[in-house]
PDB file of N, CA and C in Angstrom:
ATOM      1  N   HIS A   1      -2.851  12.830  14.895  1.00  0.00           N
ATOM      2  CA  HIS A   1      -2.818  12.370  13.529  1.00  0.00           C
ATOM      3  C   HIS A   1      -4.311  12.444  12.920  1.00  0.00           C
ATOM      4  N   PRO A   2      -4.461  12.971  11.727  1.00  0.00           N
ATOM      5  CA  PRO A   2      -5.903  13.043  11.271  1.00  0.00           C
ATOM      6  C   PRO A   2      -6.523  11.808  10.819  1.00  0.00           C
ATOM      7  N   ASN A   3      -5.719  10.703  10.623  1.00  0.00           N
ATOM      8  CA  ASN A   3      -6.248   9.447  10.087  1.00  0.00           C
ATOM      9  C   ASN A   3      -6.105   8.286  11.144  1.00  0.00           C
ATOM     10  N   VAL A   4      -6.105   8.638  12.428  1.00  0.00           N
ATOM     11  CA  VAL A   4      -5.950   7.629  13.439  1.00  0.00           C
ATOM     12  C   VAL A   4      -7.241   6.759  13.491  1.00  0.00           C
ATOM     13  N   ARG A   5      -6.945   5.560  13.747  1.00  0.00           N
ATOM     14  CA  ARG A   5      -8.115   4.611  13.795  1.00  0.00           C
ATOM     15  C   ARG A   5      -8.826   4.755  15.114  1.00  0.00           C
ATOM     16  N   LYS A   6     -10.000   4.216  15.276  1.00  0.00           N
ATOM     17  CA  LYS A   6     -10.703   4.252  16.493  1.00  0.00           C
ATOM     18  C   LYS A   6      -9.900   3.696  17.702  1.00  0.00           C
ATOM     19  N   THR A   7      -9.042   2.770  17.405  1.00  0.00           N
ATOM     20  CA  THR A   7      -8.227   2.123  18.420  1.00  0.00           C
ATOM     21  C   THR A   7      -7.053   3.075  18.899  1.00  0.00           C
ATOM     22  N   GLY A   8      -6.950   4.240  18.199  1.00  0.00           N
ATOM     23  CA  GLY A   8      -5.837   5.061  18.501  1.00  0.00           C
ATOM     24  C   GLY A   8      -4.518   4.804  17.795  1.00  0.00           C
ATOM     25  N   TYR A   9      -4.636   3.858  16.783  1.00  0.00           N
ATOM     26  CA  TYR A   9      -3.473   3.321  16.053  1.00  0.00           C
ATOM     27  C   TYR A   9      -3.450   3.894  14.672  1.00  0.00           C
ATOM     28  N   VAL A  10      -2.235   4.131  14.137  1.00  0.00           N
ATOM     29  CA  VAL A  10      -2.060   4.473  12.745  1.00  0.00           C
ATOM     30  C   VAL A  10      -1.037   3.375  12.195  1.00  0.00           C
ATOM     31  N   PRO A  11      -1.374   2.595  11.208  1.00  0.00           N
ATOM     32  CA  PRO A  11      -0.477   1.562  10.721  1.00  0.00           C
ATOM     33  C   PRO A  11       0.872   2.118  10.345  1.00  0.00           C
ATOM     34  N   GLU A  12       1.861   1.282  10.750  1.00  0.00           N
ATOM     35  CA  GLU A  12       3.288   1.784  10.493  1.00  0.00           C
ATOM     36  C   GLU A  12       3.562   2.013   9.049  1.00  0.00           C
ATOM     37  N   HIS A  13       3.072   1.156   8.128  1.00  0.00           N
ATOM     38  CA  HIS A  13       3.327   1.423   6.694  1.00  0.00           C
ATOM     39  C   HIS A  13       2.796   2.663   6.213  1.00  0.00           C
ATOM     40  N   ARG A  14       1.678   3.151   6.746  1.00  0.00           N
ATOM     41  CA  ARG A  14       1.184   4.433   6.350  1.00  0.00           C
ATOM     42  C   ARG A  14       2.069   5.582   6.900  1.00  0.00           C
ATOM     43  N   LEU A  15       2.594   5.415   8.120  1.00  0.00           N
ATOM     44  CA  LEU A  15       3.483   6.451   8.670  1.00  0.00           C
ATOM     45  C   LEU A  15       4.750   6.553   7.878  1.00  0.00           C
ATOM     46  N   VAL A  16       5.275   5.414   7.472  1.00  0.00           N
ATOM     47  CA  VAL A  16       6.532   5.436   6.716  1.00  0.00           C
ATOM     48  C   VAL A  16       6.336   6.056   5.400  1.00  0.00           C
ATOM     49  N   MET A  17       5.151   5.852   4.714  1.00  0.00           N
ATOM     50  CA  MET A  17       5.007   6.561   3.444  1.00  0.00           C
ATOM     51  C   MET A  17       4.694   7.985   3.660  1.00  0.00           C
ATOM     52  N   GLU A  18       3.993   8.396   4.755  1.00  0.00           N
ATOM     53  CA  GLU A  18       3.749   9.792   4.984  1.00  0.00           C
ATOM     54  C   GLU A  18       5.050  10.557   5.225  1.00  0.00           C
ATOM     55  N   LYS A  19       5.997   9.862   5.990  1.00  0.00           N
ATOM     56  CA  LYS A  19       7.320  10.556   6.211  1.00  0.00           C
ATOM     57  C   LYS A  19       8.044  10.788   4.942  1.00  0.00           C
ATOM     58  N   HIS A  20       7.967   9.782   4.030  1.00  0.00           N
ATOM     59  CA  HIS A  20       8.664   9.888   2.747  1.00  0.00           C
ATOM     60  C   HIS A  20       8.038  10.966   1.871  1.00  0.00           C
ATOM     61  N   LEU A  21       6.707  11.089   1.881  1.00  0.00           N
ATOM     62  CA  LEU A  21       5.994  12.033   1.012  1.00  0.00           C
ATOM     63  C   LEU A  21       5.956  13.456   1.705  1.00  0.00           C
ATOM     64  N   LYS A  22       6.238  13.503   2.975  1.00  0.00           N
ATOM     65  CA  LYS A  22       6.132  14.717   3.771  1.00  0.00           C
ATOM     66  C   LYS A  22       4.781  15.360   3.767  1.00  0.00           C
ATOM     67  N   ARG A  23       3.803  14.430   3.867  1.00  0.00           N
ATOM     68  CA  ARG A  23       2.399  14.802   3.866  1.00  0.00           C
ATOM     69  C   ARG A  23       1.585  13.668   4.554  1.00  0.00           C
ATOM     70  N   PHE A  24       0.340  13.970   5.035  1.00  0.00           N
ATOM     71  CA  PHE A  24      -0.527  12.944   5.465  1.00  0.00           C
ATOM     72  C   PHE A  24      -1.138  12.244   4.269  1.00  0.00           C
ATOM     73  N   LEU A  25      -1.432  10.963   4.357  1.00  0.00           N
ATOM     74  CA  LEU A  25      -2.095  10.202   3.331  1.00  0.00           C
ATOM     75  C   LEU A  25      -3.543  10.546   3.352  1.00  0.00           C
ATOM     76  N   GLU A  26      -4.152  10.484   2.213  1.00  0.00           N
ATOM     77  CA  GLU A  26      -5.565  10.659   2.158  1.00  0.00           C
ATOM     78  C   GLU A  26      -6.199   9.342   2.685  1.00  0.00           C
ATOM     79  N   PRO A  27      -7.305   9.272   3.331  1.00  0.00           N
ATOM     80  CA  PRO A  27      -7.927   8.060   3.758  1.00  0.00           C
ATOM     81  C   PRO A  27      -8.123   6.991   2.632  1.00  0.00           C
ATOM     82  N   LYS A  28      -8.400   7.458   1.428  1.00  0.00           N
ATOM     83  CA  LYS A  28      -8.654   6.584   0.331  1.00  0.00           C
ATOM     84  C   LYS A  28      -7.377   5.933  -0.274  1.00  0.00           C
ATOM     85  N   GLU A  29      -6.275   6.595   0.059  1.00  0.00           N
ATOM     86  CA  GLU A  29      -4.983   6.040  -0.503  1.00  0.00           C
ATOM     87  C   GLU A  29      -4.634   4.625   0.099  1.00  0.00           C
ATOM     88  N   VAL A  30      -3.999   3.777  -0.671  1.00  0.00           N
ATOM     89  CA  VAL A  30      -3.804   2.400  -0.278  1.00  0.00           C
ATOM     90  C   VAL A  30      -2.293   2.169  -0.364  1.00  0.00           C
ATOM     91  N   ILE A  31      -1.722   1.567   0.611  1.00  0.00           N
ATOM     92  CA  ILE A  31      -0.337   1.167   0.579  1.00  0.00           C
ATOM     93  C   ILE A  31      -0.290  -0.340   0.321  1.00  0.00           C
ATOM     94  N   HIS A  32       0.513  -0.749  -0.684  1.00  0.00           N
ATOM     95  CA  HIS A  32       0.687  -2.132  -0.989  1.00  0.00           C
ATOM     96  C   HIS A  32       2.105  -2.565  -0.552  1.00  0.00           C
ATOM     97  N   HIS A  33       2.225  -3.731   0.040  1.00  0.00           N
ATOM     98  CA  HIS A  33       3.535  -4.336   0.420  1.00  0.00           C
ATOM     99  C   HIS A  33       3.972  -5.242  -0.743  1.00  0.00           C
ATOM    100  N   ILE A  34       5.067  -4.876  -1.369  1.00  0.00           N
ATOM    101  CA  ILE A  34       5.549  -5.503  -2.587  1.00  0.00           C
ATOM    102  C   ILE A  34       5.815  -7.000  -2.384  1.00  0.00           C
ATOM    103  N   ASN A  35       6.419  -7.270  -1.162  1.00  0.00           N
ATOM    104  CA  ASN A  35       6.630  -8.707  -0.894  1.00  0.00           C
ATOM    105  C   ASN A  35       5.562  -9.464  -0.254  1.00  0.00           C
ATOM    106  N   ASN A  36       4.369  -8.876  -0.151  1.00  0.00           N
ATOM    107  CA  ASN A  36       3.187  -9.383   0.465  1.00  0.00           C
ATOM    108  C   ASN A  36       3.357  -9.692   1.945  1.00  0.00           C
ATOM    109  N   ASN A  37       4.391  -9.135   2.533  1.00  0.00           N
ATOM    110  CA  ASN A  37       4.540  -9.344   3.934  1.00  0.00           C
ATOM    111  C   ASN A  37       4.188  -8.026   4.700  1.00  0.00           C
ATOM    112  N   PRO A  38       3.027  -8.058   5.390  1.00  0.00           N
ATOM    113  CA  PRO A  38       2.575  -6.851   5.998  1.00  0.00           C
ATOM    114  C   PRO A  38       3.543  -6.179   7.103  1.00  0.00           C
ATOM    115  N   SER A  39       4.436  -7.074   7.531  1.00  0.00           N
ATOM    116  CA  SER A  39       5.366  -6.505   8.515  1.00  0.00           C
ATOM    117  C   SER A  39       6.705  -5.944   7.903  1.00  0.00           C
ATOM    118  N   GLY A  40       6.772  -5.993   6.573  1.00  0.00           N
ATOM    119  CA  GLY A  40       7.798  -5.426   5.807  1.00  0.00           C
ATOM    120  C   GLY A  40       7.617  -4.029   5.465  1.00  0.00           C
ATOM    121  N   ASN A  41       7.879  -3.045   6.391  1.00  0.00           N
ATOM    122  CA  ASN A  41       7.478  -1.713   6.300  1.00  0.00           C
ATOM    123  C   ASN A  41       8.651  -0.734   5.840  1.00  0.00           C
ATOM    124  N   ARG A  42       9.626  -1.339   5.142  1.00  0.00           N
ATOM    125  CA  ARG A  42      10.609  -0.522   4.617  1.00  0.00           C
ATOM    126  C   ARG A  42      10.168   0.248   3.401  1.00  0.00           C
ATOM    127  N   LEU A  43      10.584   1.471   3.117  1.00  0.00           N
ATOM    128  CA  LEU A  43      10.047   2.234   2.054  1.00  0.00           C
ATOM    129  C   LEU A  43      10.176   1.537   0.729  1.00  0.00           C
ATOM    130  N   LYS A  44      11.214   0.742   0.458  1.00  0.00           N
ATOM    131  CA  LYS A  44      11.445   0.121  -0.889  1.00  0.00           C
ATOM    132  C   LYS A  44      10.474  -1.080  -1.007  1.00  0.00           C
ATOM    133  N   ASN A  45       9.765  -1.460   0.097  1.00  0.00           N
ATOM    134  CA  ASN A  45       8.803  -2.488  -0.021  1.00  0.00           C
ATOM    135  C   ASN A  45       7.311  -2.020  -0.111  1.00  0.00           C
ATOM    136  N   LEU A  46       7.223  -0.696  -0.245  1.00  0.00           N
ATOM    137  CA  LEU A  46       5.905  -0.135  -0.241  1.00  0.00           C
ATOM    138  C   LEU A  46       5.621   0.538  -1.502  1.00  0.00           C
ATOM    139  N   MET A  47       4.335   0.416  -1.989  1.00  0.00           N
ATOM    140  CA  MET A  47       3.731   1.085  -3.184  1.00  0.00           C
ATOM    141  C   MET A  47       2.564   1.905  -2.831  1.00  0.00           C
ATOM    142  N   LEU A  48       2.408   3.008  -3.255  1.00  0.00           N
ATOM    143  CA  LEU A  48       1.294   3.870  -3.013  1.00  0.00           C
ATOM    144  C   LEU A  48       0.265   3.886  -4.220  1.00  0.00           C
ATOM    145  N   PHE A  49      -0.976   3.609  -3.879  1.00  0.00           N
ATOM    146  CA  PHE A  49      -2.069   3.655  -4.894  1.00  0.00           C
ATOM    147  C   PHE A  49      -3.041   4.721  -4.467  1.00  0.00           C
ATOM    148  N   SER A  50      -3.522   5.411  -5.380  1.00  0.00           N
ATOM    149  CA  SER A  50      -4.495   6.521  -5.187  1.00  0.00           C
ATOM    150  C   SER A  50      -5.820   6.123  -4.494  1.00  0.00           C
ATOM    151  N   ASN A  51      -6.206   4.825  -4.740  1.00  0.00           N
ATOM    152  CA  ASN A  51      -7.410   4.274  -4.156  1.00  0.00           C
ATOM    153  C   ASN A  51      -7.442   2.767  -4.264  1.00  0.00           C
ATOM    154  N   ASP A  52      -8.420   2.184  -3.656  1.00  0.00           N
ATOM    155  CA  ASP A  52      -8.502   0.660  -3.663  1.00  0.00           C
ATOM    156  C   ASP A  52      -8.719   0.124  -5.049  1.00  0.00           C
ATOM    157  N   SER A  53      -9.393   0.834  -5.907  1.00  0.00           N
ATOM    158  CA  SER A  53      -9.655   0.352  -7.311  1.00  0.00           C
ATOM    159  C   SER A  53      -8.311   0.276  -8.061  1.00  0.00           C
ATOM    160  N   GLU A  54      -7.478   1.235  -7.791  1.00  0.00           N
ATOM    161  CA  GLU A  54      -6.199   1.128  -8.570  1.00  0.00           C
ATOM    162  C   GLU A  54      -5.299  -0.014  -7.994  1.00  0.00           C
ATOM    163  N   HIS A  55      -5.463  -0.250  -6.723  1.00  0.00           N
ATOM    164  CA  HIS A  55      -4.709  -1.372  -6.112  1.00  0.00           C
ATOM    165  C   HIS A  55      -5.263  -2.673  -6.618  1.00  0.00           C
ATOM    166  N   ARG A  56      -6.545  -2.828  -6.710  1.00  0.00           N
ATOM    167  CA  ARG A  56      -7.059  -4.049  -7.274  1.00  0.00           C
ATOM    168  C   ARG A  56      -6.709  -4.273  -8.742  1.00  0.00           C
ATOM    169  N   LYS A  57      -6.664  -3.235  -9.537  1.00  0.00           N
ATOM    170  CA  LYS A  57      -6.194  -3.378 -10.908  1.00  0.00           C
ATOM    171  C   LYS A  57      -4.810  -3.843 -11.024  1.00  0.00           C
ATOM    172  N   PHE A  58      -3.972  -3.349 -10.084  1.00  0.00           N
ATOM    173  CA  PHE A  58      -2.532  -3.820 -10.094  1.00  0.00           C
ATOM    174  C   PHE A  58      -2.520  -5.306  -9.819  1.00  0.00           C
ATOM    175  N   HIS A  59      -3.272  -5.758  -8.856  1.00  0.00           N
ATOM    176  CA  HIS A  59      -3.316  -7.196  -8.543  1.00  0.00           C
ATOM    177  C   HIS A  59      -3.839  -8.032  -9.638  1.00  0.00           C
ATOM    178  N   CYS A  60      -4.859  -7.569 -10.340  1.00  0.00           N
ATOM    179  CA  CYS A  60      -5.430  -8.246 -11.552  1.00  0.00           C
ATOM    180  C   CYS A  60      -4.360  -8.400 -12.578  1.00  0.00           C
ATOM    181  N   ASN A  61      -3.728  -7.276 -12.916  1.00  0.00           N
ATOM    182  CA  ASN A  61      -2.698  -7.261 -13.998  1.00  0.00           C
ATOM    183  C   ASN A  61      -1.504  -8.178 -13.589  1.00  0.00           C
ATOM    184  N   LEU A  62      -1.229  -8.200 -12.292  1.00  0.00           N
ATOM    185  CA  LEU A  62      -0.104  -9.045 -11.814  1.00  0.00           C
ATOM    186  C   LEU A  62      -0.413 -10.522 -12.033  1.00  0.00           C
ATOM    187  N   LYS A  63      -1.729 -10.889 -11.668  1.00  0.00           N
ATOM    188  CA  LYS A  63      -2.169 -12.268 -11.810  1.00  0.00           C
ATOM    189  C   LYS A  63      -2.151 -12.661 -13.389  1.00  0.00           C
ATOM    190  N   LYS A  64      -2.555 -11.708 -14.244  1.00  0.00           N
ATOM    191  CA  LYS A  64      -2.545 -11.976 -15.565  1.00  0.00           C
ATOM    192  C   LYS A  64      -1.104 -12.259 -16.131  1.00  0.00           C
ATOM    193  N   LEU A  65      -0.199 -11.494 -15.665  1.00  0.00           N
ATOM    194  CA  LEU A  65       1.235 -11.576 -16.051  1.00  0.00           C
ATOM    195  C   LEU A  65       1.812 -12.885 -15.650  1.00  0.00           C
ATOM    196  N   ILE A  66       1.539 -13.265 -14.416  1.00  0.00           N
ATOM    197  CA  ILE A  66       1.981 -14.543 -13.770  1.00  0.00           C
ATOM    198  C   ILE A  66       1.364 -15.700 -14.630  1.00  0.00           C
ATOM    199  N   TYR A  67       0.066 -15.623 -14.908  1.00  0.00           N
ATOM    200  CA  TYR A  67      -0.536 -16.685 -15.643  1.00  0.00           C
ATOM    201  C   TYR A  67       0.031 -16.789 -17.082  1.00  0.00           C
ATOM    202  N   LYS A  68       0.234 -15.666 -17.697  1.00  0.00           N
ATOM    203  CA  LYS A  68       0.767 -15.662 -19.033  1.00  0.00           C
ATOM    204  C   LYS A  68       2.175 -16.320 -19.078  1.00  0.00           C
ATOM    205  N   ASN A  69       2.992 -15.985 -17.999  1.00  0.00           N
ATOM    206  CA  ASN A  69       4.349 -16.581 -18.049  1.00  0.00           C
ATOM    207  C   ASN A  69       4.424 -18.049 -17.692  1.00  0.00           C
ATOM    208  N   HIS A  70       3.292 -18.623 -17.272  1.00  0.00           N
ATOM    209  CA  HIS A  70       3.205 -20.011 -16.947  1.00  0.00           C
ATOM    210  C   HIS A  70       2.523 -20.872 -17.994  1.00  0.00           C
ATOM    211  N   GLU A  71       2.182 -20.248 -19.075  1.00  0.00           N
ATOM    212  CA  GLU A  71       1.527 -21.014 -20.204  1.00  0.00           C
ATOM    213  C   GLU A  71       2.502 -21.719 -20.991  1.00  0.00           C
TER     214      GLU A  71
END
């Protein structure tokens, strides 16, 4: 695997997404667990972001939405 970690491990959530996309993920691509449970590696619980910046923006917007709904 081209993105194996030094430990010889590839995280399961990345493998699940790669199988779905039928391609290897780029190292910069980030997988988000929708339910925030890192052991929930079903495809419907995973979101793909092109990079960490996009992933952080998602979290920022989510926090804004939650805050707005609690006003």
